[in-house]
Amino acid sequence: EKAVNLKKDLAEMQEWMTQAEEEYLEKDFEYKSPEELENAVEEMKRAKEDVLQKEVRVKILKDNIKMLATKVPSSGQDLAIELNVVLENYQLLCNRIRGKCHTLEEVWSCWIELLQYLDLETAWLNNLEERVKMTENLPDKLDAVNDALECLESVLRHPADNRTQIRELGQTLIDGGILDDIISEKLETFNARYEELSHLAVSRQITLEQQLQTMRETDHMLQVLQESLAELDRQLTSYLTDRVDAFQMPQEAQ
């Protein structure tokens, strides 16, 4: 009777493993929304816990069969062969579920990381857009133009590392057929805005540089003219002080 019960337990355990494999490992999942992906991750976590909890039952079966083998070698030997098959199948099931759970957790981590990088770069784009708008309607003063140019250049020096991460993470998920529609749309929107704003900012930077150069040249010309007029003023003042007749002076002094 003991052997019959153990044989029944082994059969039930094998049947449970077959069902678990069909339910958790043989389904074709399509993750088209973050909710579907998150639910799949949680489901695989529960599956992993469920399978690992069976370890206690497997150990009890193993101990009982060993005990029976010491008392009834003939019956125990047959059950030991069946037990080895169940143990191998159980270990394989554990490894496969652990692997799938780890993979899904990694995929979810990639998705969250992608969103974080997109948030960072979107904040940078917002800042860039604000800086570009600040270059409009500037007062016609050298300091104001110079400050606006320096602010714009400081934002444009933003490193490209985050955009590289966005491209690589997005491509990894899309290649796996995971959230591909959503990610493609997000990347298309982000890239279009990045191209538009970066081109506008660079164009505005060039305009400000040219404006600044013109203003500096004009300031220099005015300074030279001012110094020339000041020198002429000193000469004319000295002529007046010395009561020199204008007709006695060179034509330019007259």
Protein backbone atom coordinates (compact mmCIF):
# COMPACT_ATOMS: atom_id res chain seq x y z
CA GLU A 1 0.00 0.00 0.00
CA LYS A 2 2.86 2.36 0.83
CA ALA A 3 4.42 1.72 -2.59
CA VAL A 4 1.09 2.27 -4.34
CA ASN A 5 0.61 5.62 -2.64
CA LEU A 6 4.14 6.75 -3.48
CA LYS A 7 3.68 5.69 -7.09
CA LYS A 8 0.47 7.73 -7.17
CA ASP A 9 2.28 10.74 -5.69
CA LEU A 10 5.00 10.48 -8.34
CA ALA A 11 2.38 10.36 -11.09
CA GLU A 12 0.59 13.41 -9.65
CA MET A 13 3.86 15.29 -9.43
CA GLN A 14 4.68 14.47 -13.05
CA GLU A 15 1.21 15.54 -14.14
CA TRP A 16 1.54 18.84 -12.26
CA MET A 17 4.90 19.51 -13.93
CA THR A 18 3.42 18.83 -17.36
CA GLN A 19 0.62 21.30 -16.69
CA ALA A 20 3.05 23.89 -15.36
CA GLU A 21 5.21 23.55 -18.46
CA GLU A 22 2.19 24.00 -20.75
CA GLU A 23 0.92 26.98 -18.79
CA TYR A 24 4.14 28.90 -18.24
CA LEU A 25 6.58 27.80 -20.93
CA GLU A 26 4.71 26.74 -24.04
CA LYS A 27 2.46 29.77 -24.46
CA ASP A 28 3.28 32.28 -27.19
CA PHE A 29 3.17 35.66 -25.53
CA GLU A 30 2.85 38.96 -27.36
CA TYR A 31 3.65 42.03 -25.32
CA LYS A 32 1.99 44.95 -27.10
CA SER A 33 1.39 47.13 -24.06
CA PRO A 34 3.34 47.86 -20.85
CA GLU A 35 0.43 46.41 -18.87
CA GLU A 36 0.70 43.07 -20.70
CA LEU A 37 4.44 42.96 -20.11
CA GLU A 38 4.13 43.84 -16.44
CA ASN A 39 1.41 41.21 -15.93
CA ALA A 40 3.63 38.60 -17.62
CA VAL A 41 6.52 39.48 -15.29
CA GLU A 42 4.31 39.13 -12.22
CA GLU A 43 2.87 35.85 -13.53
CA MET A 44 6.34 34.37 -14.03
CA LYS A 45 7.38 35.47 -10.54
CA ARG A 46 4.39 33.62 -9.12
CA ALA A 47 5.21 30.60 -11.31
CA LYS A 48 8.78 30.57 -10.01
CA GLU A 49 7.59 30.71 -6.41
CA ASP A 50 5.00 28.00 -7.07
CA VAL A 51 7.57 25.66 -8.63
CA LEU A 52 10.14 26.24 -5.91
CA GLN A 53 7.57 25.55 -3.22
CA LYS A 54 7.16 22.06 -4.68
CA GLU A 55 10.76 21.39 -3.68
CA VAL A 56 9.57 20.39 -0.20
CA ARG A 57 7.13 17.86 -1.66
CA VAL A 58 9.84 16.44 -3.94
CA LYS A 59 12.19 16.05 -0.99
CA ILE A 60 9.53 14.23 1.05
CA LEU A 61 8.88 11.89 -1.89
CA LYS A 62 12.59 11.23 -2.21
CA ASP A 63 13.00 10.47 1.50
CA ASN A 64 9.95 8.20 1.61
CA ILE A 65 11.13 6.20 -1.42
CA LYS A 66 14.60 5.81 0.06
CA MET A 67 13.04 4.58 3.32
CA LEU A 68 10.84 2.13 1.43
CA ALA A 69 13.85 0.87 -0.53
CA THR A 70 15.58 -0.08 2.72
CA LYS A 71 12.52 -2.01 3.87
CA VAL A 72 11.26 -3.42 0.56
CA PRO A 73 14.16 -3.36 -1.92
CA SER A 74 12.17 -4.70 -4.88
CA SER A 75 9.43 -2.08 -4.69
CA GLY A 76 11.86 0.69 -3.73
CA GLN A 77 14.10 0.02 -6.73
CA ASP A 78 11.25 0.45 -9.25
CA LEU A 79 10.09 3.63 -7.53
CA ALA A 80 13.66 4.97 -7.44
CA ILE A 81 13.84 4.76 -11.23
CA GLU A 82 10.58 6.71 -11.55
CA LEU A 83 11.81 9.16 -8.90
CA ASN A 84 14.98 9.90 -10.89
CA VAL A 85 12.88 10.78 -13.94
CA VAL A 86 10.67 13.06 -11.85
CA LEU A 87 13.73 14.70 -10.24
CA GLU A 88 15.32 15.37 -13.61
CA ASN A 89 12.09 16.80 -15.01
CA TYR A 90 11.56 18.92 -11.89
CA GLN A 91 15.08 20.36 -12.05
CA LEU A 92 14.67 21.11 -15.75
CA LEU A 93 11.32 22.82 -15.09
CA CYS A 94 12.88 24.93 -12.31
CA ASN A 95 15.76 26.03 -14.53
CA ARG A 96 13.53 26.90 -17.46
CA ILE A 97 11.08 28.91 -15.35
CA ARG A 98 13.94 30.69 -13.57
CA GLY A 99 15.43 31.53 -16.97
CA LYS A 100 12.17 32.84 -18.39
CA CYS A 101 11.47 34.85 -15.25
CA HIS A 102 14.94 36.40 -15.41
CA THR A 103 14.51 37.22 -19.10
CA LEU A 104 11.16 38.93 -18.53
CA GLU A 105 12.56 40.90 -15.59
CA GLU A 106 15.45 42.04 -17.80
CA VAL A 107 13.01 43.08 -20.53
CA TRP A 108 10.92 45.04 -18.03
CA SER A 109 14.08 46.67 -16.70
CA CYS A 110 15.03 47.70 -20.27
CA TRP A 111 11.60 49.26 -20.76
CA ILE A 112 11.80 51.25 -17.50
CA GLU A 113 15.35 52.34 -18.32
CA LEU A 114 14.24 53.48 -21.77
CA LEU A 115 11.47 55.61 -20.23
CA GLN A 116 13.96 57.16 -17.80
CA TYR A 117 16.36 58.13 -20.58
CA LEU A 118 13.48 59.53 -22.65
CA ASP A 119 12.40 61.64 -19.67
CA LEU A 120 15.94 62.99 -19.23
CA GLU A 121 16.33 63.87 -22.90
CA THR A 122 12.84 65.38 -23.10
CA ALA A 123 13.72 67.65 -20.18
CA TRP A 124 16.88 68.67 -22.06
CA LEU A 125 14.88 69.38 -25.22
CA ASN A 126 12.47 71.54 -23.19
CA ASN A 127 15.44 73.48 -21.85
CA LEU A 128 16.90 73.86 -25.34
CA GLU A 129 13.58 75.11 -26.70
CA GLU A 130 13.39 77.66 -23.89
CA ARG A 131 16.94 78.88 -24.58
CA VAL A 132 16.20 79.26 -28.29
CA LYS A 133 13.09 81.34 -27.51
CA MET A 134 15.19 83.55 -25.21
CA THR A 135 17.37 84.52 -28.19
CA GLU A 136 14.39 86.15 -29.90
CA ASN A 137 13.85 89.93 -29.69
CA LEU A 138 17.16 90.59 -27.93
CA PRO A 139 18.10 94.22 -27.15
CA ASP A 140 20.66 95.61 -29.58
CA LYS A 141 23.45 95.41 -27.02
CA LEU A 142 26.68 93.46 -27.24
CA ASP A 143 26.44 92.09 -23.67
CA ALA A 144 22.88 90.82 -24.18
CA VAL A 145 23.76 89.02 -27.43
CA ASN A 146 26.94 87.57 -25.93
CA ASP A 147 25.11 86.25 -22.84
CA ALA A 148 22.36 84.68 -24.98
CA LEU A 149 24.98 83.00 -27.18
CA GLU A 150 26.88 81.59 -24.20
CA CYS A 151 23.69 80.21 -22.64
CA LEU A 152 22.67 78.55 -25.91
CA GLU A 153 26.14 77.06 -26.43
CA SER A 154 26.19 75.64 -22.89
CA VAL A 155 22.92 73.76 -23.55
CA LEU A 156 24.16 72.51 -26.94
CA ARG A 157 27.23 70.95 -25.27
CA HIS A 158 24.90 68.28 -23.87
CA PRO A 159 26.55 64.82 -24.35
CA ALA A 160 25.07 62.28 -26.75
CA ASP A 161 25.35 59.31 -24.32
CA ASN A 162 21.67 59.33 -23.37
CA ARG A 163 20.53 59.33 -26.98
CA THR A 164 22.81 56.37 -27.66
CA GLN A 165 21.19 54.48 -24.77
CA ILE A 166 17.71 55.34 -26.08
CA ARG A 167 18.58 54.03 -29.53
CA GLU A 168 20.15 50.80 -28.26
CA LEU A 169 17.46 49.99 -25.66
CA GLY A 170 14.66 50.76 -28.11
CA GLN A 171 16.21 48.63 -30.84
CA THR A 172 16.76 45.72 -28.45
CA LEU A 173 13.11 45.68 -27.42
CA ILE A 174 11.81 46.18 -30.97
CA ASP A 175 14.02 43.35 -32.27
CA GLY A 176 12.44 41.10 -29.65
CA GLY A 177 8.96 42.08 -30.79
CA ILE A 178 8.26 43.64 -27.40
CA LEU A 179 6.18 46.84 -27.23
CA ASP A 180 7.46 47.49 -30.75
CA ASP A 181 4.56 49.72 -31.86
CA ILE A 182 4.64 51.87 -28.73
CA ILE A 183 8.42 52.19 -28.72
CA SER A 184 8.60 52.97 -32.45
CA GLU A 185 6.06 55.77 -31.97
CA LYS A 186 7.91 57.19 -28.96
CA LEU A 187 11.27 57.09 -30.74
CA GLU A 188 9.85 58.65 -33.90
CA THR A 189 8.31 61.53 -31.92
CA PHE A 190 11.47 62.08 -29.88
CA ASN A 191 13.83 61.94 -32.86
CA ALA A 192 11.68 64.32 -34.93
CA ARG A 193 11.61 66.88 -32.12
CA TYR A 194 15.32 66.46 -31.48
CA GLU A 195 16.21 67.03 -35.13
CA GLU A 196 13.95 70.06 -35.42
CA LEU A 197 15.14 71.76 -32.24
CA SER A 198 18.83 70.98 -32.65
CA HIS A 199 18.85 72.35 -36.22
CA LEU A 200 16.97 75.46 -35.10
CA ALA A 201 19.37 75.96 -32.18
CA VAL A 202 22.49 75.59 -34.34
CA SER A 203 21.03 77.99 -36.90
CA ARG A 204 20.29 80.52 -34.15
CA GLN A 205 23.80 80.01 -32.76
CA ILE A 206 25.35 80.88 -36.14
CA THR A 207 23.10 83.97 -36.44
CA LEU A 208 24.11 85.17 -32.97
CA GLU A 209 27.80 84.61 -33.72
CA GLN A 210 27.52 86.68 -36.90
CA GLN A 211 25.53 89.38 -35.09
CA LEU A 212 28.10 89.47 -32.31
CA GLN A 213 30.96 89.74 -34.80
CA THR A 214 29.24 92.64 -36.61
CA MET A 215 28.58 94.45 -33.34
CA ARG A 216 32.20 94.03 -32.26
CA GLU A 217 33.46 95.38 -35.59
CA THR A 218 31.07 98.32 -35.35
CA ASP A 219 32.16 99.03 -31.77
CA HIS A 220 35.80 98.95 -32.87
CA MET A 221 35.14 101.37 -35.75
CA LEU A 222 33.27 103.73 -33.42
CA GLN A 223 36.12 103.56 -30.91
CA VAL A 224 38.69 104.41 -33.61
CA LEU A 225 36.51 107.28 -34.85
CA GLN A 226 36.01 108.54 -31.31
CA GLU A 227 39.76 108.52 -30.67
CA SER A 228 40.36 110.37 -33.97
CA LEU A 229 37.76 112.99 -33.13
CA ALA A 230 39.24 113.41 -29.65
CA GLU A 231 42.71 113.98 -31.16
CA LEU A 232 41.30 116.50 -33.63
CA ASP A 233 39.47 118.23 -30.79
CA ARG A 234 42.74 118.56 -28.86
CA GLN A 235 44.49 120.03 -31.92
CA LEU A 236 41.72 122.54 -32.62
CA THR A 237 41.60 123.51 -28.96
CA SER A 238 45.35 124.15 -28.99
CA TYR A 239 44.95 126.29 -32.12
CA LEU A 240 42.29 128.37 -30.48
CA THR A 241 44.33 128.70 -27.30
CA ASP A 242 47.35 129.93 -29.31
CA ARG A 243 45.04 132.28 -31.29
CA VAL A 244 46.32 130.86 -34.56
CA ASP A 245 44.54 132.18 -37.65
CA ALA A 246 42.68 129.38 -39.47
CA PHE A 247 44.03 130.52 -42.82
CA GLN A 248 47.55 129.80 -41.59
CA MET A 249 46.72 126.15 -40.91
CA PRO A 250 46.61 123.20 -43.31
CA GLN A 251 43.45 122.73 -45.30
CA GLU A 252 42.14 119.85 -43.06
CA ALA A 253 42.51 122.01 -39.95
CA GLN A 254 40.57 124.86 -41.63
